[in-house]
Amino acid sequence: MLQPIGDRVIIEIQDQPEETVGGIVLAENAKEKPTQGKVVAVGTGRVLDNGEKVAPVVSEGDVVMFDKYAGTKVNDGDQEYLVMHESDLLAIVK
């Protein structure tokens, strides 16, 4: 498993449904990029200019929303993840 450093988080991408509400199956290139995922690992936090460390807001298991072009895709075995800074997250889904 990957362990993020600093204020980075690792997100397991949640795939979008392949059918629309009307039952139309979407082609691969017509699908929207995913914007939700589950946090699987969290770094230790951000370090401020004065040396103080700020703890992360999210924790493992949180479902989060992010911009469709945020993060860097990485593979660990056969699973694909996104690695991004915590500040790139938009919201925690409750």
PDB file of N, CA and C in Angstrom:
ATOM      1  N   MET A   1       0.845  -1.193   0.000  1.00  0.00           N
ATOM      2  CA  MET A   1       0.000   0.000   0.000  1.00  0.00           C
ATOM      3  C   MET A   1       0.878   1.240   0.000  1.00  0.00           C
ATOM      4  N   LEU A   2       0.392   2.275  -0.619  1.00  0.00           N
ATOM      5  CA  LEU A   2       1.096   3.541  -0.681  1.00  0.00           C
ATOM      6  C   LEU A   2       0.839   4.353   0.579  1.00  0.00           C
ATOM      7  N   GLN A   3       1.846   5.103   1.037  1.00  0.00           N
ATOM      8  CA  GLN A   3       1.692   5.989   2.186  1.00  0.00           C
ATOM      9  C   GLN A   3       2.012   7.416   1.740  1.00  0.00           C
ATOM     10  N   PRO A   4       1.021   8.319   1.746  1.00  0.00           N
ATOM     11  CA  PRO A   4       1.281   9.689   1.319  1.00  0.00           C
ATOM     12  C   PRO A   4       2.116  10.442   2.345  1.00  0.00           C
ATOM     13  N   ILE A   5       2.809  11.471   1.877  1.00  0.00           N
ATOM     14  CA  ILE A   5       3.606  12.299   2.777  1.00  0.00           C
ATOM     15  C   ILE A   5       3.030  13.713   2.805  1.00  0.00           C
ATOM     16  N   GLY A   6       3.326  14.432   3.875  1.00  0.00           N
ATOM     17  CA  GLY A   6       2.870  15.810   4.002  1.00  0.00           C
ATOM     18  C   GLY A   6       1.365  15.919   4.015  1.00  0.00           C
ATOM     19  N   ASP A   7       0.846  16.854   3.218  1.00  0.00           N
ATOM     20  CA  ASP A   7      -0.599  17.100   3.201  1.00  0.00           C
ATOM     21  C   ASP A   7      -1.298  16.380   2.055  1.00  0.00           C
ATOM     22  N   ARG A   8      -0.720  15.313   1.565  1.00  0.00           N
ATOM     23  CA  ARG A   8      -1.323  14.571   0.454  1.00  0.00           C
ATOM     24  C   ARG A   8      -2.259  13.475   0.966  1.00  0.00           C
ATOM     25  N   VAL A   9      -3.227  13.127   0.121  1.00  0.00           N
ATOM     26  CA  VAL A   9      -4.149  12.036   0.408  1.00  0.00           C
ATOM     27  C   VAL A   9      -4.203  11.119  -0.801  1.00  0.00           C
ATOM     28  N   ILE A  10      -4.508   9.852  -0.561  1.00  0.00           N
ATOM     29  CA  ILE A  10      -4.675   8.878  -1.636  1.00  0.00           C
ATOM     30  C   ILE A  10      -6.145   8.503  -1.682  1.00  0.00           C
ATOM     31  N   ILE A  11      -6.709   8.584  -2.891  1.00  0.00           N
ATOM     32  CA  ILE A  11      -8.135   8.379  -3.072  1.00  0.00           C
ATOM     33  C   ILE A  11      -8.383   7.232  -4.032  1.00  0.00           C
ATOM     34  N   GLU A  12      -9.267   6.326  -3.634  1.00  0.00           N
ATOM     35  CA  GLU A  12      -9.728   5.253  -4.511  1.00  0.00           C
ATOM     36  C   GLU A  12     -10.909   5.809  -5.296  1.00  0.00           C
ATOM     37  N   ILE A  13     -10.772   5.853  -6.598  1.00  0.00           N
ATOM     38  CA  ILE A  13     -11.768   6.472  -7.455  1.00  0.00           C
ATOM     39  C   ILE A  13     -13.028   5.622  -7.491  1.00  0.00           C
ATOM     40  N   GLN A  14     -14.187   6.270  -7.374  1.00  0.00           N
ATOM     41  CA  GLN A  14     -15.469   5.590  -7.499  1.00  0.00           C
ATOM     42  C   GLN A  14     -15.960   5.788  -8.925  1.00  0.00           C
ATOM     43  N   ASP A  15     -16.136   4.688  -9.647  1.00  0.00           N
ATOM     44  CA  ASP A  15     -16.566   4.759 -11.041  1.00  0.00           C
ATOM     45  C   ASP A  15     -17.983   5.284 -11.155  1.00  0.00           C
ATOM     46  N   GLN A  16     -18.216   6.019 -12.231  1.00  0.00           N
ATOM     47  CA  GLN A  16     -19.543   6.534 -12.543  1.00  0.00           C
ATOM     48  C   GLN A  16     -20.366   5.410 -13.172  1.00  0.00           C
ATOM     49  N   PRO A  17     -21.674   5.447 -13.039  1.00  0.00           N
ATOM     50  CA  PRO A  17     -22.511   4.423 -13.660  1.00  0.00           C
ATOM     51  C   PRO A  17     -22.354   4.440 -15.183  1.00  0.00           C
ATOM     52  N   GLU A  18     -22.469   3.255 -15.796  1.00  0.00           N
ATOM     53  CA  GLU A  18     -22.312   3.142 -17.236  1.00  0.00           C
ATOM     54  C   GLU A  18     -23.601   3.388 -17.996  1.00  0.00           C
ATOM     55  N   GLU A  19     -24.735   3.513 -17.290  1.00  0.00           N
ATOM     56  CA  GLU A  19     -26.016   3.774 -17.935  1.00  0.00           C
ATOM     57  C   GLU A  19     -26.589   5.079 -17.420  1.00  0.00           C
ATOM     58  N   THR A  20     -27.344   5.758 -18.263  1.00  0.00           N
ATOM     59  CA  THR A  20     -28.070   6.942 -17.843  1.00  0.00           C
ATOM     60  C   THR A  20     -29.359   6.505 -17.171  1.00  0.00           C
ATOM     61  N   VAL A  21     -30.100   7.452 -16.648  1.00  0.00           N
ATOM     62  CA  VAL A  21     -31.367   7.151 -15.984  1.00  0.00           C
ATOM     63  C   VAL A  21     -32.337   6.496 -16.969  1.00  0.00           C
ATOM     64  N   GLY A  22     -32.279   6.891 -18.234  1.00  0.00           N
ATOM     65  CA  GLY A  22     -33.163   6.331 -19.239  1.00  0.00           C
ATOM     66  C   GLY A  22     -32.729   4.975 -19.751  1.00  0.00           C
ATOM     67  N   GLY A  23     -31.610   4.441 -19.244  1.00  0.00           N
ATOM     68  CA  GLY A  23     -31.148   3.123 -19.632  1.00  0.00           C
ATOM     69  C   GLY A  23     -30.198   3.104 -20.814  1.00  0.00           C
ATOM     70  N   ILE A  24     -29.742   4.268 -21.266  1.00  0.00           N
ATOM     71  CA  ILE A  24     -28.809   4.330 -22.385  1.00  0.00           C
ATOM     72  C   ILE A  24     -27.405   4.013 -21.880  1.00  0.00           C
ATOM     73  N   VAL A  25     -26.733   3.066 -22.520  1.00  0.00           N
ATOM     74  CA  VAL A  25     -25.365   2.702 -22.138  1.00  0.00           C
ATOM     75  C   VAL A  25     -24.413   3.684 -22.794  1.00  0.00           C
ATOM     76  N   LEU A  26     -23.528   4.287 -21.972  1.00  0.00           N
ATOM     77  CA  LEU A  26     -22.600   5.293 -22.475  1.00  0.00           C
ATOM     78  C   LEU A  26     -21.330   4.658 -23.021  1.00  0.00           C
ATOM     79  N   ALA A  27     -20.811   5.208 -24.105  1.00  0.00           N
ATOM     80  CA  ALA A  27     -19.519   4.781 -24.629  1.00  0.00           C
ATOM     81  C   ALA A  27     -18.421   5.262 -23.691  1.00  0.00           C
ATOM     82  N   GLU A  28     -17.283   4.603 -23.717  1.00  0.00           N
ATOM     83  CA  GLU A  28     -16.171   4.932 -22.814  1.00  0.00           C
ATOM     84  C   GLU A  28     -15.750   6.394 -22.934  1.00  0.00           C
ATOM     85  N   ASN A  29     -15.686   6.936 -24.151  1.00  0.00           N
ATOM     86  CA  ASN A  29     -15.231   8.316 -24.334  1.00  0.00           C
ATOM     87  C   ASN A  29     -16.313   9.344 -24.029  1.00  0.00           C
ATOM     88  N   ALA A  30     -17.551   8.928 -23.809  1.00  0.00           N
ATOM     89  CA  ALA A  30     -18.640   9.856 -23.488  1.00  0.00           C
ATOM     90  C   ALA A  30     -18.852  10.008 -21.985  1.00  0.00           C
ATOM     91  N   LYS A  31     -18.186   9.196 -21.192  1.00  0.00           N
ATOM     92  CA  LYS A  31     -18.356   9.250 -19.742  1.00  0.00           C
ATOM     93  C   LYS A  31     -17.644  10.474 -19.166  1.00  0.00           C
ATOM     94  N   GLU A  32     -18.233  11.017 -18.124  1.00  0.00           N
ATOM     95  CA  GLU A  32     -17.596  12.104 -17.387  1.00  0.00           C
ATOM     96  C   GLU A  32     -16.473  11.527 -16.531  1.00  0.00           C
ATOM     97  N   LYS A  33     -15.433  12.340 -16.292  1.00  0.00           N
ATOM     98  CA  LYS A  33     -14.372  11.905 -15.390  1.00  0.00           C
ATOM     99  C   LYS A  33     -14.944  11.850 -13.975  1.00  0.00           C
ATOM    100  N   PRO A  34     -14.518  10.883 -13.169  1.00  0.00           N
ATOM    101  CA  PRO A  34     -15.054  10.767 -11.807  1.00  0.00           C
ATOM    102  C   PRO A  34     -14.687  11.978 -10.951  1.00  0.00           C
ATOM    103  N   THR A  35     -15.578  12.333 -10.040  1.00  0.00           N
ATOM    104  CA  THR A  35     -15.338  13.458  -9.136  1.00  0.00           C
ATOM    105  C   THR A  35     -15.556  13.074  -7.681  1.00  0.00           C
ATOM    106  N   GLN A  36     -15.713  11.784  -7.406  1.00  0.00           N
ATOM    107  CA  GLN A  36     -15.866  11.310  -6.038  1.00  0.00           C
ATOM    108  C   GLN A  36     -14.972  10.111  -5.816  1.00  0.00           C
ATOM    109  N   GLY A  37     -14.549   9.953  -4.572  1.00  0.00           N
ATOM    110  CA  GLY A  37     -13.746   8.801  -4.233  1.00  0.00           C
ATOM    111  C   GLY A  37     -13.658   8.623  -2.732  1.00  0.00           C
ATOM    112  N   LYS A  38     -13.079   7.500  -2.340  1.00  0.00           N
ATOM    113  CA  LYS A  38     -12.929   7.157  -0.930  1.00  0.00           C
ATOM    114  C   LYS A  38     -11.475   7.347  -0.539  1.00  0.00           C
ATOM    115  N   VAL A  39     -11.233   8.047   0.564  1.00  0.00           N
ATOM    116  CA  VAL A  39      -9.882   8.271   1.060  1.00  0.00           C
ATOM    117  C   VAL A  39      -9.364   6.974   1.655  1.00  0.00           C
ATOM    118  N   VAL A  40      -8.234   6.475   1.136  1.00  0.00           N
ATOM    119  CA  VAL A  40      -7.673   5.229   1.636  1.00  0.00           C
ATOM    120  C   VAL A  40      -6.410   5.446   2.461  1.00  0.00           C
ATOM    121  N   ALA A  41      -5.775   6.620   2.327  1.00  0.00           N
ATOM    122  CA  ALA A  41      -4.591   6.929   3.128  1.00  0.00           C
ATOM    123  C   ALA A  41      -4.433   8.437   3.221  1.00  0.00           C
ATOM    124  N   VAL A  42      -3.935   8.909   4.364  1.00  0.00           N
ATOM    125  CA  VAL A  42      -3.764  10.342   4.620  1.00  0.00           C
ATOM    126  C   VAL A  42      -2.352  10.581   5.133  1.00  0.00           C
ATOM    127  N   GLY A  43      -1.731  11.655   4.639  1.00  0.00           N
ATOM    128  CA  GLY A  43      -0.397  12.033   5.108  1.00  0.00           C
ATOM    129  C   GLY A  43      -0.459  12.601   6.520  1.00  0.00           C
ATOM    130  N   THR A  44       0.689  13.035   7.014  1.00  0.00           N
ATOM    131  CA  THR A  44       0.791  13.523   8.392  1.00  0.00           C
ATOM    132  C   THR A  44       0.285  14.939   8.576  1.00  0.00           C
ATOM    133  N   GLY A  45       0.146  15.699   7.504  1.00  0.00           N
ATOM    134  CA  GLY A  45      -0.374  17.064   7.601  1.00  0.00           C
ATOM    135  C   GLY A  45       0.559  18.080   6.977  1.00  0.00           C
ATOM    136  N   ARG A  46       0.057  19.300   6.879  1.00  0.00           N
ATOM    137  CA  ARG A  46       0.797  20.400   6.251  1.00  0.00           C
ATOM    138  C   ARG A  46       1.657  21.103   7.288  1.00  0.00           C
ATOM    139  N   VAL A  47       2.856  21.507   6.882  1.00  0.00           N
ATOM    140  CA  VAL A  47       3.759  22.238   7.759  1.00  0.00           C
ATOM    141  C   VAL A  47       3.716  23.709   7.365  1.00  0.00           C
ATOM    142  N   LEU A  48       3.398  24.569   8.330  1.00  0.00           N
ATOM    143  CA  LEU A  48       3.345  26.009   8.089  1.00  0.00           C
ATOM    144  C   LEU A  48       4.750  26.592   8.031  1.00  0.00           C
ATOM    145  N   ASP A  49       4.851  27.850   7.595  1.00  0.00           N
ATOM    146  CA  ASP A  49       6.148  28.519   7.484  1.00  0.00           C
ATOM    147  C   ASP A  49       6.874  28.624   8.826  1.00  0.00           C
ATOM    148  N   ASN A  50       6.122  28.706   9.928  1.00  0.00           N
ATOM    149  CA  ASN A  50       6.749  28.810  11.251  1.00  0.00           C
ATOM    150  C   ASN A  50       7.122  27.444  11.835  1.00  0.00           C
ATOM    151  N   GLY A  51       6.925  26.359  11.069  1.00  0.00           N
ATOM    152  CA  GLY A  51       7.292  25.023  11.515  1.00  0.00           C
ATOM    153  C   GLY A  51       6.177  24.255  12.197  1.00  0.00           C
ATOM    154  N   GLU A  52       5.053  24.914  12.443  1.00  0.00           N
ATOM    155  CA  GLU A  52       3.925  24.254  13.090  1.00  0.00           C
ATOM    156  C   GLU A  52       3.228  23.323  12.091  1.00  0.00           C
ATOM    157  N   LYS A  53       2.802  22.156  12.572  1.00  0.00           N
ATOM    158  CA  LYS A  53       2.128  21.181  11.713  1.00  0.00           C
ATOM    159  C   LYS A  53       0.622  21.261  11.921  1.00  0.00           C
ATOM    160  N   VAL A  54      -0.120  21.316  10.791  1.00  0.00           N
ATOM    161  CA  VAL A  54      -1.581  21.351  10.817  1.00  0.00           C
ATOM    162  C   VAL A  54      -2.087  19.961  10.453  1.00  0.00           C
ATOM    163  N   ALA A  55      -2.882  19.378  11.340  1.00  0.00           N
ATOM    164  CA  ALA A  55      -3.412  18.027  11.114  1.00  0.00           C
ATOM    165  C   ALA A  55      -4.391  18.025   9.942  1.00  0.00           C
ATOM    166  N   PRO A  56      -4.465  16.919   9.200  1.00  0.00           N
ATOM    167  CA  PRO A  56      -5.409  16.834   8.083  1.00  0.00           C
ATOM    168  C   PRO A  56      -6.862  16.874   8.559  1.00  0.00           C
ATOM    169  N   VAL A  57      -7.744  17.400   7.708  1.00  0.00           N
ATOM    170  CA  VAL A  57      -9.178  17.478   8.023  1.00  0.00           C
ATOM    171  C   VAL A  57      -9.863  16.155   7.690  1.00  0.00           C
ATOM    172  N   VAL A  58      -9.441  15.513   6.608  1.00  0.00           N
ATOM    173  CA  VAL A  58     -10.052  14.247   6.199  1.00  0.00           C
ATOM    174  C   VAL A  58      -9.363  13.080   6.886  1.00  0.00           C
ATOM    175  N   SER A  59     -10.060  11.960   6.926  1.00  0.00           N
ATOM    176  CA  SER A  59      -9.465  10.756   7.490  1.00  0.00           C
ATOM    177  C   SER A  59      -9.795   9.575   6.591  1.00  0.00           C
ATOM    178  N   GLU A  60      -9.124   8.459   6.821  1.00  0.00           N
ATOM    179  CA  GLU A  60      -9.354   7.258   6.020  1.00  0.00           C
ATOM    180  C   GLU A  60     -10.817   6.847   6.111  1.00  0.00           C
ATOM    181  N   GLY A  61     -11.382   6.484   4.968  1.00  0.00           N
ATOM    182  CA  GLY A  61     -12.772   6.064   4.914  1.00  0.00           C
ATOM    183  C   GLY A  61     -13.732   7.157   4.504  1.00  0.00           C
ATOM    184  N   ASP A  62     -13.319   8.431   4.559  1.00  0.00           N
ATOM    185  CA  ASP A  62     -14.188   9.526   4.133  1.00  0.00           C
ATOM    186  C   ASP A  62     -14.430   9.443   2.627  1.00  0.00           C
ATOM    187  N   VAL A  63     -15.634   9.751   2.197  1.00  0.00           N
ATOM    188  CA  VAL A  63     -15.947   9.879   0.774  1.00  0.00           C
ATOM    189  C   VAL A  63     -15.871  11.366   0.463  1.00  0.00           C
ATOM    190  N   VAL A  64     -15.060  11.722  -0.531  1.00  0.00           N
ATOM    191  CA  VAL A  64     -14.792  13.123  -0.824  1.00  0.00           C
ATOM    192  C   VAL A  64     -15.115  13.453  -2.275  1.00  0.00           C
ATOM    193  N   MET A  65     -15.309  14.746  -2.532  1.00  0.00           N
ATOM    194  CA  MET A  65     -15.489  15.262  -3.889  1.00  0.00           C
ATOM    195  C   MET A  65     -14.248  16.066  -4.256  1.00  0.00           C
ATOM    196  N   PHE A  66     -13.887  16.004  -5.538  1.00  0.00           N
ATOM    197  CA  PHE A  66     -12.718  16.743  -6.017  1.00  0.00           C
ATOM    198  C   PHE A  66     -12.973  17.174  -7.452  1.00  0.00           C
ATOM    199  N   ASP A  67     -12.170  18.116  -7.923  1.00  0.00           N
ATOM    200  CA  ASP A  67     -12.274  18.593  -9.300  1.00  0.00           C
ATOM    201  C   ASP A  67     -11.908  17.468 -10.247  1.00  0.00           C
ATOM    202  N   LYS A  68     -12.558  17.385 -11.396  1.00  0.00           N
ATOM    203  CA  LYS A  68     -12.341  16.257 -12.305  1.00  0.00           C
ATOM    204  C   LYS A  68     -10.924  16.172 -12.854  1.00  0.00           C
ATOM    205  N   TYR A  69     -10.154  17.260 -12.806  1.00  0.00           N
ATOM    206  CA  TYR A  69      -8.782  17.222 -13.310  1.00  0.00           C
ATOM    207  C   TYR A  69      -7.739  17.297 -12.188  1.00  0.00           C
ATOM    208  N   ALA A  70      -8.158  17.129 -10.944  1.00  0.00           N
ATOM    209  CA  ALA A  70      -7.237  17.210  -9.805  1.00  0.00           C
ATOM    210  C   ALA A  70      -6.466  15.910  -9.627  1.00  0.00           C
ATOM    211  N   GLY A  71      -5.303  16.011  -9.028  1.00  0.00           N
ATOM    212  CA  GLY A  71      -4.540  14.842  -8.631  1.00  0.00           C
ATOM    213  C   GLY A  71      -3.719  14.199  -9.730  1.00  0.00           C
ATOM    214  N   THR A  72      -2.958  13.208  -9.314  1.00  0.00           N
ATOM    215  CA  THR A  72      -2.098  12.434 -10.198  1.00  0.00           C
ATOM    216  C   THR A  72      -2.498  10.973 -10.074  1.00  0.00           C
ATOM    217  N   LYS A  73      -2.758  10.326 -11.214  1.00  0.00           N
ATOM    218  CA  LYS A  73      -3.123   8.908 -11.192  1.00  0.00           C
ATOM    219  C   LYS A  73      -1.886   8.059 -10.949  1.00  0.00           C
ATOM    220  N   VAL A  74      -2.020   7.081 -10.052  1.00  0.00           N
ATOM    221  CA  VAL A  74      -0.958   6.113  -9.786  1.00  0.00           C
ATOM    222  C   VAL A  74      -1.589   4.725  -9.701  1.00  0.00           C
ATOM    223  N   ASN A  75      -0.814   3.722 -10.028  1.00  0.00           N
ATOM    224  CA  ASN A  75      -1.265   2.335  -9.936  1.00  0.00           C
ATOM    225  C   ASN A  75      -0.479   1.624  -8.849  1.00  0.00           C
ATOM    226  N   ASP A  76      -1.188   0.836  -8.052  1.00  0.00           N
ATOM    227  CA  ASP A  76      -0.577  -0.022  -7.046  1.00  0.00           C
ATOM    228  C   ASP A  76      -1.167  -1.407  -7.282  1.00  0.00           C
ATOM    229  N   GLY A  77      -0.411  -2.244  -7.958  1.00  0.00           N
ATOM    230  CA  GLY A  77      -0.950  -3.535  -8.381  1.00  0.00           C
ATOM    231  C   GLY A  77      -1.936  -3.308  -9.502  1.00  0.00           C
ATOM    232  N   ASP A  78      -3.141  -3.840  -9.352  1.00  0.00           N
ATOM    233  CA  ASP A  78      -4.153  -3.655 -10.386  1.00  0.00           C
ATOM    234  C   ASP A  78      -5.149  -2.546 -10.042  1.00  0.00           C
ATOM    235  N   GLN A  79      -4.945  -1.870  -8.931  1.00  0.00           N
ATOM    236  CA  GLN A  79      -5.850  -0.804  -8.486  1.00  0.00           C
ATOM    237  C   GLN A  79      -5.299   0.564  -8.879  1.00  0.00           C
ATOM    238  N   GLU A  80      -6.171   1.460  -9.350  1.00  0.00           N
ATOM    239  CA  GLU A  80      -5.773   2.816  -9.720  1.00  0.00           C
ATOM    240  C   GLU A  80      -6.232   3.790  -8.639  1.00  0.00           C
ATOM    241  N   TYR A  81      -5.341   4.695  -8.257  1.00  0.00           N
ATOM    242  CA  TYR A  81      -5.620   5.688  -7.216  1.00  0.00           C
ATOM    243  C   TYR A  81      -5.298   7.083  -7.731  1.00  0.00           C
ATOM    244  N   LEU A  82      -5.808   8.089  -7.024  1.00  0.00           N
ATOM    245  CA  LEU A  82      -5.423   9.471  -7.242  1.00  0.00           C
ATOM    246  C   LEU A  82      -4.672   9.950  -6.016  1.00  0.00           C
ATOM    247  N   VAL A  83      -3.553  10.633  -6.235  1.00  0.00           N
ATOM    248  CA  VAL A  83      -2.805  11.258  -5.151  1.00  0.00           C
ATOM    249  C   VAL A  83      -2.933  12.757  -5.346  1.00  0.00           C
ATOM    250  N   MET A  84      -3.401  13.454  -4.301  1.00  0.00           N
ATOM    251  CA  MET A  84      -3.562  14.906  -4.411  1.00  0.00           C
ATOM    252  C   MET A  84      -3.352  15.568  -3.064  1.00  0.00           C
ATOM    253  N   HIS A  85      -3.128  16.871  -3.109  1.00  0.00           N
ATOM    254  CA  HIS A  85      -3.028  17.652  -1.878  1.00  0.00           C
ATOM    255  C   HIS A  85      -4.412  17.763  -1.256  1.00  0.00           C
ATOM    256  N   GLU A  86      -4.447  17.800   0.055  1.00  0.00           N
ATOM    257  CA  GLU A  86      -5.726  17.918   0.746  1.00  0.00           C
ATOM    258  C   GLU A  86      -6.457  19.193   0.331  1.00  0.00           C
ATOM    259  N   SER A  87      -5.724  20.243   0.014  1.00  0.00           N
ATOM    260  CA  SER A  87      -6.350  21.501  -0.390  1.00  0.00           C
ATOM    261  C   SER A  87      -7.064  21.390  -1.737  1.00  0.00           C
ATOM    262  N   ASP A  88      -6.791  20.346  -2.535  1.00  0.00           N
ATOM    263  CA  ASP A  88      -7.489  20.140  -3.808  1.00  0.00           C
ATOM    264  C   ASP A  88      -8.854  19.492  -3.633  1.00  0.00           C
ATOM    265  N   LEU A  89      -9.165  19.028  -2.436  1.00  0.00           N
ATOM    266  CA  LEU A  89     -10.473  18.423  -2.175  1.00  0.00           C
ATOM    267  C   LEU A  89     -11.519  19.516  -2.037  1.00  0.00           C
ATOM    268  N   LEU A  90     -12.718  19.244  -2.537  1.00  0.00           N
ATOM    269  CA  LEU A  90     -13.791  20.243  -2.490  1.00  0.00           C
ATOM    270  C   LEU A  90     -14.724  20.051  -1.303  1.00  0.00           C
ATOM    271  N   ALA A  91     -15.036  18.794  -0.945  1.00  0.00           N
ATOM    272  CA  ALA A  91     -16.003  18.543   0.122  1.00  0.00           C
ATOM    273  C   ALA A  91     -15.908  17.108   0.601  1.00  0.00           C
ATOM    274  N   ILE A  92     -16.413  16.879   1.805  1.00  0.00           N
ATOM    275  CA  ILE A  92     -16.598  15.536   2.344  1.00  0.00           C
ATOM    276  C   ILE A  92     -18.076  15.213   2.185  1.00  0.00           C
ATOM    277  N   VAL A  93     -18.378  14.065   1.580  1.00  0.00           N
ATOM    278  CA  VAL A  93     -19.767  13.662   1.364  1.00  0.00           C
ATOM    279  C   VAL A  93     -20.252  12.950   2.627  1.00  0.00           C
ATOM    280  N   LYS A  94     -21.316  13.448   3.205  1.00  0.00           N
ATOM    281  CA  LYS A  94     -21.874  12.864   4.437  1.00  0.00           C
ATOM    282  C   LYS A  94     -23.059  11.994   4.114  1.00  0.00           C
TER     283      LYS A  94
END
